[in-house]
Protein backbone atom coordinates (compact mmCIF):
# COMPACT_ATOMS: atom_id res chain seq x y z
CA MET A 1 -14.84 31.70 25.55
CA PRO A 2 -14.65 34.68 23.17
CA GLU A 3 -17.78 35.35 21.13
CA LEU A 4 -17.35 35.55 17.37
CA MET A 5 -18.60 38.95 16.20
CA ASP A 6 -17.58 38.95 12.54
CA ARG A 7 -15.31 37.28 10.05
CA TYR A 8 -14.39 38.25 6.52
CA GLU A 9 -11.75 37.02 4.14
CA THR A 10 -10.19 37.94 0.85
CA GLY A 11 -7.29 36.33 -0.93
CA TYR A 12 -5.17 39.06 0.65
CA LEU A 13 -6.26 39.24 4.29
CA SER A 14 -8.38 37.35 6.79
CA THR A 15 -10.00 39.29 9.67
CA VAL A 16 -11.67 37.67 12.67
CA ILE A 17 -13.36 39.87 15.29
CA THR A 18 -14.22 38.45 18.70
CA CYS A 19 -15.60 39.86 21.96
CA ASP A 20 -14.39 38.98 25.44
CA ASP A 21 -15.30 40.91 28.62
CA SER A 22 -16.60 43.93 26.69
CA SER A 23 -13.40 44.42 24.70
CA TYR A 24 -12.81 43.35 21.14
CA ALA A 25 -9.98 41.53 19.42
CA TRP A 26 -9.30 41.93 15.72
CA THR A 27 -7.01 39.21 14.35
CA HIS A 28 -5.42 39.62 10.94
CA SER A 29 -3.77 36.76 9.10
CA GLY A 30 -2.56 36.44 5.53
CA GLY A 31 -4.92 35.36 2.77
CA THR A 32 -4.15 32.49 0.42
CA ASP A 33 -3.00 34.80 -2.39
CA ARG A 34 -1.10 37.37 -0.32
CA PRO A 35 2.25 38.14 -2.02
CA ARG A 36 3.99 39.58 1.06
CA PRO A 37 3.63 37.62 4.33
CA LEU A 38 2.49 39.31 7.51
CA THR A 39 5.34 40.05 9.91
CA THR A 40 5.68 41.50 13.38
CA PRO A 41 5.90 45.31 13.15
CA SER A 42 9.24 46.98 13.78
CA ARG A 43 10.24 48.78 16.96
CA LEU A 44 10.14 52.05 15.03
CA LEU A 45 6.46 51.54 14.27
CA PHE A 46 5.69 50.84 17.94
CA LEU A 47 7.43 54.09 18.88
CA ALA A 48 5.55 56.01 16.19
CA ALA A 49 2.24 54.61 17.46
CA GLU A 50 3.04 55.76 21.02
CA ARG A 51 3.67 59.29 19.74
CA ALA A 52 0.45 59.33 17.75
CA ALA A 53 -2.11 59.23 20.58
CA HIS A 54 -4.36 62.30 20.57
CA ASP A 55 -7.51 62.88 22.59
CA GLU A 56 -9.61 59.70 22.44
CA VAL A 57 -7.97 58.25 19.31
CA ARG A 58 -5.08 55.82 19.61
CA PHE A 59 -2.89 54.11 17.04
CA VAL A 60 -2.91 50.54 18.37
CA THR A 61 -0.20 47.96 17.67
CA PRO A 62 -0.72 44.21 17.64
CA THR A 63 0.51 41.21 19.51
CA SER A 64 1.89 38.60 17.13
CA GLU A 65 1.58 34.84 17.04
CA VAL A 66 3.14 32.25 14.76
CA ARG A 67 0.45 29.90 13.49
CA ALA A 68 0.80 26.17 12.94
CA ASP A 69 1.21 26.74 9.21
CA GLY A 70 4.16 29.04 9.86
CA GLY A 71 2.27 32.24 9.09
CA THR A 72 2.00 35.21 11.44
CA ALA A 73 -1.26 36.44 12.96
CA LEU A 74 -1.55 39.97 14.34
CA THR A 75 -4.16 40.70 17.03
CA TYR A 76 -5.36 44.18 18.00
CA ARG A 77 -7.48 45.27 20.96
CA THR A 78 -10.16 47.83 20.08
CA PRO A 79 -13.17 49.50 21.73
CA GLY A 80 -15.56 48.40 18.98
CA ALA A 81 -16.43 45.51 16.68
CA ARG A 82 -17.16 47.53 13.53
CA SER A 83 -14.94 49.65 11.35
CA LEU A 84 -15.82 53.08 10.07
CA ALA A 85 -15.68 51.53 6.59
CA SER A 86 -18.47 49.09 7.44
CA MET A 87 -20.61 52.00 8.60
CA PHE A 88 -20.02 53.80 5.31
CA LEU A 89 -20.79 50.65 3.30
CA SER A 90 -24.10 50.40 5.19
CA LYS A 91 -24.79 54.03 4.24
CA GLU A 92 -25.04 55.03 7.90
CA ASN A 93 -23.03 58.25 7.41
CA PRO A 94 -22.52 58.95 11.13
CA ALA A 95 -22.80 62.62 12.03
CA ASP A 96 -19.55 62.67 14.01
CA ALA A 97 -17.42 60.97 11.33
CA ALA A 98 -15.83 64.28 10.32
CA GLY A 99 -14.78 64.91 13.92
CA LEU A 100 -13.27 61.44 14.10
CA LEU A 101 -11.33 61.84 10.84
CA SER A 102 -10.10 65.22 12.02
CA CYS A 103 -8.62 63.64 15.14
CA VAL A 104 -7.21 60.71 13.14
CA ALA A 105 -5.40 63.20 10.89
CA ARG A 106 -3.82 64.92 13.90
CA CYS A 107 -2.68 61.54 15.19
CA LEU A 108 -1.31 60.63 11.76
CA ALA A 109 0.81 63.79 11.68
CA ARG A 110 2.46 62.67 14.93
CA PHE A 111 2.83 59.12 13.65
CA HIS A 112 4.82 60.17 10.59
CA THR A 113 8.42 60.42 11.75
CA PRO A 114 11.62 60.45 9.69
CA LEU A 115 13.48 57.15 9.50
CA PRO A 116 17.23 56.90 10.08
CA ASP A 117 19.36 55.98 7.09
CA SER A 118 20.07 52.62 8.71
CA ALA A 119 16.38 51.64 8.80
CA ARG A 120 15.28 48.84 6.51
CA ALA A 121 13.69 49.98 3.26
CA ARG A 122 10.09 48.82 2.92
CA THR A 123 8.03 49.92 -0.08
CA PRO A 124 4.30 50.22 0.65
CA GLY A 125 2.70 46.88 -0.13
CA GLY A 126 0.08 48.43 -2.41
CA ILE A 127 2.80 50.04 -4.51
CA ASP A 128 4.68 46.74 -4.75
CA ARG A 129 1.55 44.94 -5.89
CA VAL A 130 0.59 47.33 -8.68
CA MET A 131 4.14 48.02 -9.89
CA SER A 132 4.65 44.41 -10.93
CA TRP A 133 1.07 44.09 -12.22
CA LEU A 134 1.37 47.22 -14.37
CA VAL A 135 4.34 45.58 -16.10
CA ASP A 136 3.25 41.96 -16.57
CA GLY A 137 -0.47 41.83 -15.74
CA GLN A 138 0.01 38.70 -13.68
CA GLY A 139 -1.90 37.87 -10.51
CA PRO A 140 -4.61 35.69 -9.01
CA LYS A 141 -8.32 35.61 -9.83
CA ALA A 142 -9.29 38.47 -12.20
CA ALA A 143 -5.98 40.39 -12.09
CA ALA A 144 -5.06 39.53 -15.69
CA ALA A 145 -8.54 40.35 -17.00
CA TRP A 146 -8.52 43.70 -15.22
CA HIS A 147 -5.05 44.45 -16.63
CA THR A 148 -6.42 43.97 -20.14
CA VAL A 149 -9.57 46.05 -19.61
CA ALA A 150 -7.80 48.84 -17.72
CA GLY A 151 -4.84 48.95 -20.10
CA GLN A 152 -7.04 49.22 -23.17
CA GLY A 153 -9.32 51.80 -21.54
CA LEU A 154 -6.58 54.05 -20.18
CA GLY A 155 -4.10 53.83 -23.03
CA THR A 156 -0.30 53.70 -22.98
CA PRO A 157 0.48 57.31 -21.95
CA ARG A 158 -1.71 57.11 -18.82
CA TRP A 159 -0.37 53.63 -18.06
CA ASN A 160 3.21 54.93 -18.17
CA THR A 161 2.24 57.87 -15.95
CA LEU A 162 0.92 55.47 -13.31
CA ARG A 163 4.15 53.48 -13.44
CA HIS A 164 6.17 56.67 -12.96
CA TRP A 165 4.01 57.75 -10.02
CA CYS A 166 4.59 54.42 -8.29
CA GLU A 167 8.33 55.06 -8.43
CA LEU A 168 7.88 58.27 -6.40
CA PHE A 169 6.75 56.21 -3.39
CA ALA A 170 8.91 53.15 -4.01
CA ARG A 171 12.09 55.24 -4.11
CA PRO A 172 11.25 58.43 -2.18
CA LYS A 173 13.72 61.22 -1.58
CA GLY A 174 13.03 60.97 2.14
CA ARG A 175 11.60 58.07 4.15
CA PHE A 176 9.15 58.16 7.03
CA VAL A 177 7.29 55.59 9.06
CA VAL A 178 3.99 55.24 7.19
CA HIS A 179 0.86 53.29 7.98
CA GLY A 180 0.61 51.82 4.49
CA ALA A 181 -3.19 51.42 4.35
CA MET A 182 -4.61 54.44 6.13
CA GLY A 183 -8.27 53.87 5.33
CA THR A 184 -11.52 53.74 7.24
CA GLY A 185 -11.33 49.94 7.40
CA MET A 186 -8.50 50.35 9.90
CA ILE A 187 -10.50 52.66 12.20
CA ALA A 188 -12.56 50.90 14.90
CA PRO A 189 -14.74 53.35 16.85
CA ASP A 190 -16.14 52.67 20.30
CA THR A 191 -19.58 51.07 20.11
CA GLY A 192 -21.09 53.96 22.06
CA ASN A 193 -18.88 56.91 21.10
CA ILE A 194 -17.59 57.29 17.55
CA LEU A 195 -15.09 59.96 18.65
CA ARG A 196 -13.25 57.34 20.71
CA ALA A 197 -11.49 54.95 18.37
CA ALA A 198 -8.54 52.68 17.67
CA VAL A 199 -6.54 52.92 14.46
CA LEU A 200 -5.01 49.53 13.68
CA CYS A 201 -1.42 49.87 12.47
CA GLY A 202 1.35 47.43 11.63
CA THR A 203 -0.31 45.12 9.11
CA GLU A 204 0.91 47.26 6.20
CA GLU A 205 3.89 49.01 7.81
CA ALA A 206 6.09 50.74 5.24
CA ALA A 207 8.78 53.35 4.74
CA SER A 208 7.83 56.07 2.28
CA LEU A 209 6.43 59.60 2.08
CA PRO A 210 3.71 60.78 4.52
CA GLU A 211 1.66 61.91 1.52
CA PHE A 212 1.07 58.24 0.69
CA ASP A 213 -1.10 57.76 3.80
CA ILE A 214 -2.97 61.02 3.27
CA GLY A 215 -3.72 60.12 -0.32
CA TRP A 216 -4.90 56.65 0.69
CA MET A 217 -7.67 58.12 2.83
CA LEU A 218 -8.66 60.73 0.25
CA GLY A 219 -8.73 58.14 -2.52
CA GLU A 220 -11.08 55.97 -0.50
CA LEU A 221 -13.42 58.91 0.08
CA TYR A 222 -13.37 59.70 -3.63
CA GLU A 223 -14.41 56.14 -4.42
CA ASN A 224 -17.19 56.30 -1.86
CA GLU A 225 -18.61 59.32 -3.64
CA HIS A 226 -18.25 58.16 -7.23
CA LEU A 227 -18.70 54.39 -7.01
CA ASN A 228 -20.68 53.82 -3.80
CA GLY A 229 -23.14 56.68 -4.19
CA HIS A 230 -22.30 58.67 -1.07
CA ASP A 231 -23.60 62.22 -0.78
CA PRO A 232 -20.94 64.53 -2.29
CA ALA A 233 -21.51 67.18 0.39
CA TYR A 234 -20.98 64.60 3.14
CA VAL A 235 -17.83 63.26 1.47
CA ASP A 236 -16.48 66.78 1.04
CA GLU A 237 -17.03 67.45 4.74
CA LEU A 238 -15.02 64.33 5.60
CA ARG A 239 -12.28 65.19 3.10
CA GLN A 240 -11.90 68.74 4.37
CA ALA A 241 -11.90 67.62 8.00
CA PHE A 242 -9.13 65.10 7.35
CA LEU A 243 -6.93 67.18 5.07
CA SER A 244 -7.18 70.42 7.05
CA SER A 245 -6.42 68.69 10.38
CA TYR A 246 -3.16 67.09 9.29
CA ASP A 247 -1.07 69.73 11.01
CA ARG A 248 2.30 69.27 9.33
CA PRO A 249 3.45 70.64 5.98
CA VAL A 250 2.51 68.45 3.02
CA ASP A 251 3.24 68.57 -0.69
CA LEU A 252 -0.24 68.79 -2.18
CA PRO A 253 0.73 67.60 -5.70
CA THR A 254 2.23 64.46 -4.13
CA VAL A 255 -0.95 63.94 -2.07
CA ARG A 256 -2.98 64.15 -5.27
CA ILE A 257 -0.81 61.55 -6.98
CA ALA A 258 -1.11 59.25 -3.96
CA THR A 259 -4.88 59.66 -4.12
CA ALA A 260 -4.94 58.46 -7.72
CA LEU A 261 -2.67 55.52 -6.88
CA ARG A 262 -4.91 54.46 -4.00
CA VAL A 263 -7.84 54.12 -6.41
CA LEU A 264 -5.63 52.10 -8.77
CA ILE A 265 -4.45 49.86 -5.92
CA HIS A 266 -7.99 49.22 -4.72
CA SER A 267 -9.18 48.33 -8.22
CA HIS A 268 -6.26 45.89 -8.57
CA ASP A 269 -6.80 44.36 -5.15
CA PHE A 270 -10.50 43.84 -5.71
CA ALA A 271 -9.83 42.03 -8.99
CA ALA A 272 -6.89 40.01 -7.66
CA TYR A 273 -8.15 39.05 -4.21
CA MET A 274 -11.93 39.00 -4.60
CA GLY A 275 -12.55 38.53 -8.31
CA TRP A 276 -14.36 40.29 -11.10
CA SER A 277 -17.20 42.67 -10.27
CA ARG A 278 -19.70 44.47 -12.48
CA LEU A 279 -18.23 47.70 -11.02
CA MET A 280 -14.76 47.05 -12.46
CA PRO A 281 -15.37 48.87 -15.80
CA SER A 282 -16.52 51.93 -13.81
CA TYR A 283 -12.94 52.32 -12.57
CA VAL A 284 -11.67 53.09 -16.08
CA PRO A 285 -13.18 56.61 -16.48
CA LEU A 286 -12.51 57.28 -12.80
CA LEU A 287 -8.81 56.47 -13.20
CA ALA A 288 -8.62 58.35 -16.49
CA GLU A 289 -9.89 61.52 -14.83
CA LEU A 290 -7.50 61.07 -11.90
CA VAL A 291 -4.50 60.66 -14.20
CA ASP A 292 -5.50 63.52 -16.50
CA SER A 293 -5.98 65.90 -13.57
CA GLU A 294 -2.97 64.49 -11.66
CA GLY A 295 -5.35 63.68 -8.83
CA ALA A 296 -6.65 67.24 -8.46
CA CYS A 297 -10.24 66.18 -9.19
CA ALA A 298 -10.25 64.19 -5.93
CA VAL A 299 -8.44 66.60 -3.61
CA THR A 300 -9.47 70.05 -2.52
CA ALA A 301 -6.88 72.34 -0.99
CA PRO A 302 -6.86 72.41 2.84
CA VAL A 303 -8.19 75.43 4.61
CA SER A 304 -5.63 77.81 6.11
CA ARG A 305 -4.24 76.67 9.43
């Protein structure tokens, strides 16, 4: 019988991690407040994941199961029971994390492939969530309270800028297969070798610009530095390793905007799917600086390739 290793839930997503014969299974199922149900990933995502393998890092796709309540559960096989995010939250700051993120970025560049015109449109879930919330402020738990605090703190011009930026990814000029939540919580390193890892993909599959995924990772790193107290030099090493290793052309201004939106999305999701936190007001000056600088304060230019 599989051994339960960990379990954590939000109103958005439930994750159960089990161990069986030295391999690990991560099972995702929808939370009670999730606005968009989990579905089996498309064939195009499976093909993109196959192309993405590089060195010891793989983009892994799930098996799907329909639960008794009619919802879908997605199960991934990984070489480890902890995510890179959990290591960062524990302030472990592994020495090889920059090498891992460098390889993940190379994989991500292969993963991003243009979609045919006939492919189904699918706005990134995070963009969908905040677009409606920016307009009406509705949502579970503390979503409405955060809308009031953030709206008053940021002011109407910044608020309208955020709405406009969301449109860039909801209705992009070109569409690619994108991960949709390319953060360290989706990276499961081997228990004995951090440079060997699985990147879980499919839970947030979307069709948008590649810059959305790049900005998601950079926005998370920016939060780790400014809200979680991580060493700025360490965060900069991770940021440079990731951004400089994505070996396809990118539009840096669009990456910067995506970085700002990732911080907005995370603040919304925390309020809506976990509830109010004493850290919530700290997001206001952070978001103000991101909007005023168009994300430049969180993104340094990649080194020459």
